[in-house]
Amino acid sequence: MQQLLNQFKALTDDEKLAFMKEAMPHMAEIFQSDPQKMMAEMMPVCMKVMSSRGMNMDMMRAMMKNMMGQSEK
């Protein structure tokens, strides 16, 4: 796993974005196969990453709504 992470870190930002776009459908398959397990394992990681960047769930929702062109309710 560490070797794969090192390879990812060595990519340019554009290459990282391209990789993530290619990987997302595969990630969705894993999430779909066992949603409860994936939420239980991934939610703490997502929350930790968000809080380390000074974000909370409300801020994330607002950002996503803005990106999707929806107004706040």
PDB file of N, CA and C in Angstrom:
ATOM      1  N   MET A   1       0.824  -1.187   0.000  1.00  0.00           N
ATOM      2  CA  MET A   1       0.000   0.000   0.000  1.00  0.00           C
ATOM      3  C   MET A   1       0.874   1.258   0.000  1.00  0.00           C
ATOM      4  N   GLN A   2       1.959   1.229   0.786  1.00  0.00           N
ATOM      5  CA  GLN A   2       2.827   2.410   0.863  1.00  0.00           C
ATOM      6  C   GLN A   2       3.463   2.719  -0.492  1.00  0.00           C
ATOM      7  N   GLN A   3       3.842   1.691  -1.235  1.00  0.00           N
ATOM      8  CA  GLN A   3       4.435   1.898  -2.556  1.00  0.00           C
ATOM      9  C   GLN A   3       3.423   2.578  -3.484  1.00  0.00           C
ATOM     10  N   LEU A   4       2.186   2.134  -3.434  1.00  0.00           N
ATOM     11  CA  LEU A   4       1.139   2.743  -4.257  1.00  0.00           C
ATOM     12  C   LEU A   4       0.913   4.201  -3.863  1.00  0.00           C
ATOM     13  N   LEU A   5       0.888   4.472  -2.568  1.00  0.00           N
ATOM     14  CA  LEU A   5       0.735   5.855  -2.105  1.00  0.00           C
ATOM     15  C   LEU A   5       1.900   6.734  -2.542  1.00  0.00           C
ATOM     16  N   ASN A   6       3.103   6.197  -2.480  1.00  0.00           N
ATOM     17  CA  ASN A   6       4.273   6.960  -2.932  1.00  0.00           C
ATOM     18  C   ASN A   6       4.186   7.270  -4.418  1.00  0.00           C
ATOM     19  N   GLN A   7       3.712   6.315  -5.199  1.00  0.00           N
ATOM     20  CA  GLN A   7       3.553   6.548  -6.637  1.00  0.00           C
ATOM     21  C   GLN A   7       2.502   7.634  -6.887  1.00  0.00           C
ATOM     22  N   PHE A   8       1.419   7.587  -6.125  1.00  0.00           N
ATOM     23  CA  PHE A   8       0.368   8.601  -6.263  1.00  0.00           C
ATOM     24  C   PHE A   8       0.913   9.984  -5.904  1.00  0.00           C
ATOM     25  N   LYS A   9       1.653  10.074  -4.809  1.00  0.00           N
ATOM     26  CA  LYS A   9       2.211  11.356  -4.379  1.00  0.00           C
ATOM     27  C   LYS A   9       3.160  11.940  -5.411  1.00  0.00           C
ATOM     28  N   ALA A  10       3.807  11.087  -6.191  1.00  0.00           N
ATOM     29  CA  ALA A  10       4.767  11.544  -7.189  1.00  0.00           C
ATOM     30  C   ALA A  10       4.095  12.121  -8.443  1.00  0.00           C
ATOM     31  N   LEU A  11       2.805  11.885  -8.593  1.00  0.00           N
ATOM     32  CA  LEU A  11       2.082  12.397  -9.757  1.00  0.00           C
ATOM     33  C   LEU A  11       1.897  13.908  -9.655  1.00  0.00           C
ATOM     34  N   THR A  12       1.705  14.540 -10.809  1.00  0.00           N
ATOM     35  CA  THR A  12       1.327  15.955 -10.801  1.00  0.00           C
ATOM     36  C   THR A  12      -0.127  16.054 -10.346  1.00  0.00           C
ATOM     37  N   ASP A  13      -0.573  17.255 -10.028  1.00  0.00           N
ATOM     38  CA  ASP A  13      -1.971  17.423  -9.620  1.00  0.00           C
ATOM     39  C   ASP A  13      -2.929  16.998 -10.737  1.00  0.00           C
ATOM     40  N   ASP A  14      -2.593  17.322 -11.976  1.00  0.00           N
ATOM     41  CA  ASP A  14      -3.441  16.908 -13.107  1.00  0.00           C
ATOM     42  C   ASP A  14      -3.484  15.392 -13.238  1.00  0.00           C
ATOM     43  N   GLU A  15      -2.347  14.739 -13.041  1.00  0.00           N
ATOM     44  CA  GLU A  15      -2.302  13.276 -13.099  1.00  0.00           C
ATOM     45  C   GLU A  15      -3.093  12.650 -11.946  1.00  0.00           C
ATOM     46  N   LYS A  16      -3.003  13.267 -10.774  1.00  0.00           N
ATOM     47  CA  LYS A  16      -3.766  12.772  -9.620  1.00  0.00           C
ATOM     48  C   LYS A  16      -5.261  12.873  -9.904  1.00  0.00           C
ATOM     49  N   LEU A  17      -5.687  13.986 -10.470  1.00  0.00           N
ATOM     50  CA  LEU A  17      -7.097  14.170 -10.802  1.00  0.00           C
ATOM     51  C   LEU A  17      -7.547  13.137 -11.834  1.00  0.00           C
ATOM     52  N   ALA A  18      -6.734  12.915 -12.858  1.00  0.00           N
ATOM     53  CA  ALA A  18      -7.065  11.922 -13.881  1.00  0.00           C
ATOM     54  C   ALA A  18      -7.170  10.525 -13.266  1.00  0.00           C
ATOM     55  N   PHE A  19      -6.263  10.203 -12.360  1.00  0.00           N
ATOM     56  CA  PHE A  19      -6.299   8.909 -11.681  1.00  0.00           C
ATOM     57  C   PHE A  19      -7.579   8.758 -10.865  1.00  0.00           C
ATOM     58  N   MET A  20      -7.915   9.791 -10.103  1.00  0.00           N
ATOM     59  CA  MET A  20      -9.115   9.726  -9.267  1.00  0.00           C
ATOM     60  C   MET A  20     -10.364   9.550 -10.119  1.00  0.00           C
ATOM     61  N   LYS A  21     -10.416  10.219 -11.263  1.00  0.00           N
ATOM     62  CA  LYS A  21     -11.571  10.072 -12.147  1.00  0.00           C
ATOM     63  C   LYS A  21     -11.682   8.651 -12.692  1.00  0.00           C
ATOM     64  N   GLU A  22     -10.564   8.027 -12.961  1.00  0.00           N
ATOM     65  CA  GLU A  22     -10.564   6.640 -13.434  1.00  0.00           C
ATOM     66  C   GLU A  22     -10.910   5.664 -12.311  1.00  0.00           C
ATOM     67  N   ALA A  23     -10.476   5.972 -11.091  1.00  0.00           N
ATOM     68  CA  ALA A  23     -10.677   5.065  -9.964  1.00  0.00           C
ATOM     69  C   ALA A  23     -12.081   5.143  -9.372  1.00  0.00           C
ATOM     70  N   MET A  24     -12.760   6.269  -9.520  1.00  0.00           N
ATOM     71  CA  MET A  24     -14.053   6.457  -8.871  1.00  0.00           C
ATOM     72  C   MET A  24     -15.095   5.396  -9.223  1.00  0.00           C
ATOM     73  N   PRO A  25     -15.240   4.981 -10.479  1.00  0.00           N
ATOM     74  CA  PRO A  25     -16.222   3.928 -10.759  1.00  0.00           C
ATOM     75  C   PRO A  25     -15.923   2.623 -10.019  1.00  0.00           C
ATOM     76  N   HIS A  26     -14.660   2.311  -9.863  1.00  0.00           N
ATOM     77  CA  HIS A  26     -14.276   1.098  -9.141  1.00  0.00           C
ATOM     78  C   HIS A  26     -14.574   1.247  -7.651  1.00  0.00           C
ATOM     79  N   MET A  27     -14.363   2.438  -7.131  1.00  0.00           N
ATOM     80  CA  MET A  27     -14.679   2.697  -5.736  1.00  0.00           C
ATOM     81  C   MET A  27     -16.189   2.592  -5.509  1.00  0.00           C
ATOM     82  N   ALA A  28     -16.974   3.088  -6.460  1.00  0.00           N
ATOM     83  CA  ALA A  28     -18.434   3.020  -6.338  1.00  0.00           C
ATOM     84  C   ALA A  28     -18.910   1.574  -6.294  1.00  0.00           C
ATOM     85  N   GLU A  29     -18.265   0.697  -7.054  1.00  0.00           N
ATOM     86  CA  GLU A  29     -18.627  -0.721  -7.028  1.00  0.00           C
ATOM     87  C   GLU A  29     -18.421  -1.299  -5.630  1.00  0.00           C
ATOM     88  N   ILE A  30     -17.320  -0.941  -4.993  1.00  0.00           N
ATOM     89  CA  ILE A  30     -17.032  -1.439  -3.644  1.00  0.00           C
ATOM     90  C   ILE A  30     -18.065  -0.892  -2.656  1.00  0.00           C
ATOM     91  N   PHE A  31     -18.379   0.390  -2.760  1.00  0.00           N
ATOM     92  CA  PHE A  31     -19.374   0.992  -1.875  1.00  0.00           C
ATOM     93  C   PHE A  31     -20.732   0.325  -2.057  1.00  0.00           C
ATOM     94  N   GLN A  32     -21.081   0.037  -3.296  1.00  0.00           N
ATOM     95  CA  GLN A  32     -22.380  -0.564  -3.580  1.00  0.00           C
ATOM     96  C   GLN A  32     -22.481  -1.982  -3.035  1.00  0.00           C
ATOM     97  N   SER A  33     -21.394  -2.726  -3.027  1.00  0.00           N
ATOM     98  CA  SER A  33     -21.440  -4.122  -2.604  1.00  0.00           C
ATOM     99  C   SER A  33     -21.701  -4.271  -1.108  1.00  0.00           C
ATOM    100  N   ASP A  34     -21.254  -3.318  -0.290  1.00  0.00           N
ATOM    101  CA  ASP A  34     -21.493  -3.389   1.155  1.00  0.00           C
ATOM    102  C   ASP A  34     -21.506  -1.973   1.734  1.00  0.00           C
ATOM    103  N   PRO A  35     -22.609  -1.251   1.506  1.00  0.00           N
ATOM    104  CA  PRO A  35     -22.661   0.161   1.915  1.00  0.00           C
ATOM    105  C   PRO A  35     -22.422   0.393   3.406  1.00  0.00           C
ATOM    106  N   GLN A  36     -22.985  -0.464   4.260  1.00  0.00           N
ATOM    107  CA  GLN A  36     -22.803  -0.247   5.700  1.00  0.00           C
ATOM    108  C   GLN A  36     -21.345  -0.365   6.102  1.00  0.00           C
ATOM    109  N   LYS A  37     -20.671  -1.372   5.578  1.00  0.00           N
ATOM    110  CA  LYS A  37     -19.254  -1.560   5.910  1.00  0.00           C
ATOM    111  C   LYS A  37     -18.432  -0.379   5.416  1.00  0.00           C
ATOM    112  N   MET A  38     -18.700   0.034   4.198  1.00  0.00           N
ATOM    113  CA  MET A  38     -17.923   1.137   3.637  1.00  0.00           C
ATOM    114  C   MET A  38     -18.157   2.428   4.404  1.00  0.00           C
ATOM    115  N   MET A  39     -19.405   2.703   4.789  1.00  0.00           N
ATOM    116  CA  MET A  39     -19.679   3.911   5.568  1.00  0.00           C
ATOM    117  C   MET A  39     -18.991   3.831   6.930  1.00  0.00           C
ATOM    118  N   ALA A  40     -19.039   2.658   7.544  1.00  0.00           N
ATOM    119  CA  ALA A  40     -18.418   2.490   8.861  1.00  0.00           C
ATOM    120  C   ALA A  40     -16.910   2.685   8.790  1.00  0.00           C
ATOM    121  N   GLU A  41     -16.303   2.244   7.700  1.00  0.00           N
ATOM    122  CA  GLU A  41     -14.848   2.364   7.577  1.00  0.00           C
ATOM    123  C   GLU A  41     -14.409   3.713   7.019  1.00  0.00           C
ATOM    124  N   MET A  42     -15.174   4.258   6.080  1.00  0.00           N
ATOM    125  CA  MET A  42     -14.736   5.464   5.394  1.00  0.00           C
ATOM    126  C   MET A  42     -15.158   6.758   6.074  1.00  0.00           C
ATOM    127  N   MET A  43     -16.305   6.772   6.739  1.00  0.00           N
ATOM    128  CA  MET A  43     -16.790   8.015   7.335  1.00  0.00           C
ATOM    129  C   MET A  43     -15.808   8.590   8.356  1.00  0.00           C
ATOM    130  N   PRO A  44     -15.253   7.779   9.252  1.00  0.00           N
ATOM    131  CA  PRO A  44     -14.265   8.353  10.189  1.00  0.00           C
ATOM    132  C   PRO A  44     -13.048   8.941   9.468  1.00  0.00           C
ATOM    133  N   VAL A  45     -12.612   8.295   8.406  1.00  0.00           N
ATOM    134  CA  VAL A  45     -11.468   8.801   7.642  1.00  0.00           C
ATOM    135  C   VAL A  45     -11.831  10.122   6.979  1.00  0.00           C
ATOM    136  N   CYS A  46     -13.007  10.189   6.357  1.00  0.00           N
ATOM    137  CA  CYS A  46     -13.450  11.419   5.699  1.00  0.00           C
ATOM    138  C   CYS A  46     -13.582  12.562   6.708  1.00  0.00           C
ATOM    139  N   MET A  47     -14.170  12.258   7.863  1.00  0.00           N
ATOM    140  CA  MET A  47     -14.337  13.294   8.881  1.00  0.00           C
ATOM    141  C   MET A  47     -12.987  13.802   9.383  1.00  0.00           C
ATOM    142  N   LYS A  48     -12.023  12.900   9.545  1.00  0.00           N
ATOM    143  CA  LYS A  48     -10.685  13.288  10.000  1.00  0.00           C
ATOM    144  C   LYS A  48     -10.007  14.185   8.963  1.00  0.00           C
ATOM    145  N   VAL A  49     -10.115  13.821   7.684  1.00  0.00           N
ATOM    146  CA  VAL A  49      -9.516  14.629   6.624  1.00  0.00           C
ATOM    147  C   VAL A  49     -10.176  16.001   6.580  1.00  0.00           C
ATOM    148  N   MET A  50     -11.503  16.028   6.639  1.00  0.00           N
ATOM    149  CA  MET A  50     -12.210  17.308   6.605  1.00  0.00           C
ATOM    150  C   MET A  50     -11.812  18.192   7.783  1.00  0.00           C
ATOM    151  N   SER A  51     -11.795  17.633   8.993  1.00  0.00           N
ATOM    152  CA  SER A  51     -11.462  18.450  10.159  1.00  0.00           C
ATOM    153  C   SER A  51     -10.013  18.932  10.116  1.00  0.00           C
ATOM    154  N   SER A  52      -9.125  18.131   9.527  1.00  0.00           N
ATOM    155  CA  SER A  52      -7.731  18.565   9.415  1.00  0.00           C
ATOM    156  C   SER A  52      -7.576  19.727   8.443  1.00  0.00           C
ATOM    157  N   ARG A  53      -8.583  19.913   7.588  1.00  0.00           N
ATOM    158  CA  ARG A  53      -8.584  21.022   6.622  1.00  0.00           C
ATOM    159  C   ARG A  53      -9.506  22.151   7.078  1.00  0.00           C
ATOM    160  N   GLY A  54      -9.993  22.053   8.330  1.00  0.00           N
ATOM    161  CA  GLY A  54     -10.838  23.106   8.881  1.00  0.00           C
ATOM    162  C   GLY A  54     -12.264  23.091   8.369  1.00  0.00           C
ATOM    163  N   MET A  55     -12.743  21.936   7.915  1.00  0.00           N
ATOM    164  CA  MET A  55     -14.106  21.839   7.386  1.00  0.00           C
ATOM    165  C   MET A  55     -14.951  20.950   8.285  1.00  0.00           C
ATOM    166  N   ASN A  56     -16.255  21.177   8.239  1.00  0.00           N
ATOM    167  CA  ASN A  56     -17.190  20.284   8.897  1.00  0.00           C
ATOM    168  C   ASN A  56     -18.236  19.845   7.869  1.00  0.00           C
ATOM    169  N   MET A  57     -19.167  19.010   8.271  1.00  0.00           N
ATOM    170  CA  MET A  57     -20.132  18.453   7.328  1.00  0.00           C
ATOM    171  C   MET A  57     -21.005  19.540   6.700  1.00  0.00           C
ATOM    172  N   ASP A  58     -21.414  20.543   7.476  1.00  0.00           N
ATOM    173  CA  ASP A  58     -22.231  21.623   6.931  1.00  0.00           C
ATOM    174  C   ASP A  58     -21.476  22.405   5.852  1.00  0.00           C
ATOM    175  N   MET A  59     -20.203  22.677   6.110  1.00  0.00           N
ATOM    176  CA  MET A  59     -19.385  23.385   5.123  1.00  0.00           C
ATOM    177  C   MET A  59     -19.238  22.547   3.852  1.00  0.00           C
ATOM    178  N   MET A  60     -19.062  21.229   4.014  1.00  0.00           N
ATOM    179  CA  MET A  60     -18.913  20.347   2.864  1.00  0.00           C
ATOM    180  C   MET A  60     -20.201  20.330   2.040  1.00  0.00           C
ATOM    181  N   ARG A  61     -21.356  20.228   2.708  1.00  0.00           N
ATOM    182  CA  ARG A  61     -22.638  20.249   1.998  1.00  0.00           C
ATOM    183  C   ARG A  61     -22.802  21.545   1.214  1.00  0.00           C
ATOM    184  N   ALA A  62     -22.505  22.668   1.850  1.00  0.00           N
ATOM    185  CA  ALA A  62     -22.637  23.967   1.190  1.00  0.00           C
ATOM    186  C   ALA A  62     -21.717  24.052  -0.016  1.00  0.00           C
ATOM    187  N   MET A  63     -20.488  23.576   0.133  1.00  0.00           N
ATOM    188  CA  MET A  63     -19.542  23.601  -0.977  1.00  0.00           C
ATOM    189  C   MET A  63     -20.040  22.739  -2.133  1.00  0.00           C
ATOM    190  N   MET A  64     -20.562  21.563  -1.816  1.00  0.00           N
ATOM    191  CA  MET A  64     -21.050  20.668  -2.860  1.00  0.00           C
ATOM    192  C   MET A  64     -22.278  21.259  -3.553  1.00  0.00           C
ATOM    193  N   LYS A  65     -23.178  21.878  -2.794  1.00  0.00           N
ATOM    194  CA  LYS A  65     -24.345  22.524  -3.399  1.00  0.00           C
ATOM    195  C   LYS A  65     -23.909  23.635  -4.338  1.00  0.00           C
ATOM    196  N   ASN A  66     -22.934  24.427  -3.900  1.00  0.00           N
ATOM    197  CA  ASN A  66     -22.429  25.509  -4.750  1.00  0.00           C
ATOM    198  C   ASN A  66     -21.820  24.968  -6.029  1.00  0.00           C
ATOM    199  N   MET A  67     -21.084  23.874  -5.926  1.00  0.00           N
ATOM    200  CA  MET A  67     -20.459  23.288  -7.109  1.00  0.00           C
ATOM    201  C   MET A  67     -21.507  22.746  -8.068  1.00  0.00           C
ATOM    202  N   MET A  68     -22.633  22.283  -7.521  1.00  0.00           N
ATOM    203  CA  MET A  68     -23.701  21.731  -8.344  1.00  0.00           C
ATOM    204  C   MET A  68     -24.659  22.812  -8.835  1.00  0.00           C
ATOM    205  N   GLY A  69     -24.413  24.077  -8.439  1.00  0.00           N
ATOM    206  CA  GLY A  69     -25.237  25.179  -8.889  1.00  0.00           C
ATOM    207  C   GLY A  69     -26.559  25.285  -8.155  1.00  0.00           C
ATOM    208  N   GLN A  70     -26.655  24.713  -6.964  1.00  0.00           N
ATOM    209  CA  GLN A  70     -27.886  24.780  -6.179  1.00  0.00           C
ATOM    210  C   GLN A  70     -27.730  25.843  -5.110  1.00  0.00           C
ATOM    211  N   SER A  71     -28.835  26.505  -4.789  1.00  0.00           N
ATOM    212  CA  SER A  71     -28.770  27.530  -3.750  1.00  0.00           C
ATOM    213  C   SER A  71     -29.017  26.901  -2.396  1.00  0.00           C
ATOM    214  N   GLU A  72     -28.535  27.578  -1.355  1.00  0.00           N
ATOM    215  CA  GLU A  72     -28.727  27.120   0.021  1.00  0.00           C
ATOM    216  C   GLU A  72     -30.205  27.246   0.378  1.00  0.00           C
ATOM    217  N   LYS A  73     -30.686  26.302   1.169  1.00  0.00           N
ATOM    218  CA  LYS A  73     -32.080  26.363   1.633  1.00  0.00           C
ATOM    219  C   LYS A  73     -32.151  27.061   2.963  1.00  0.00           C
TER     220      LYS A  73
END
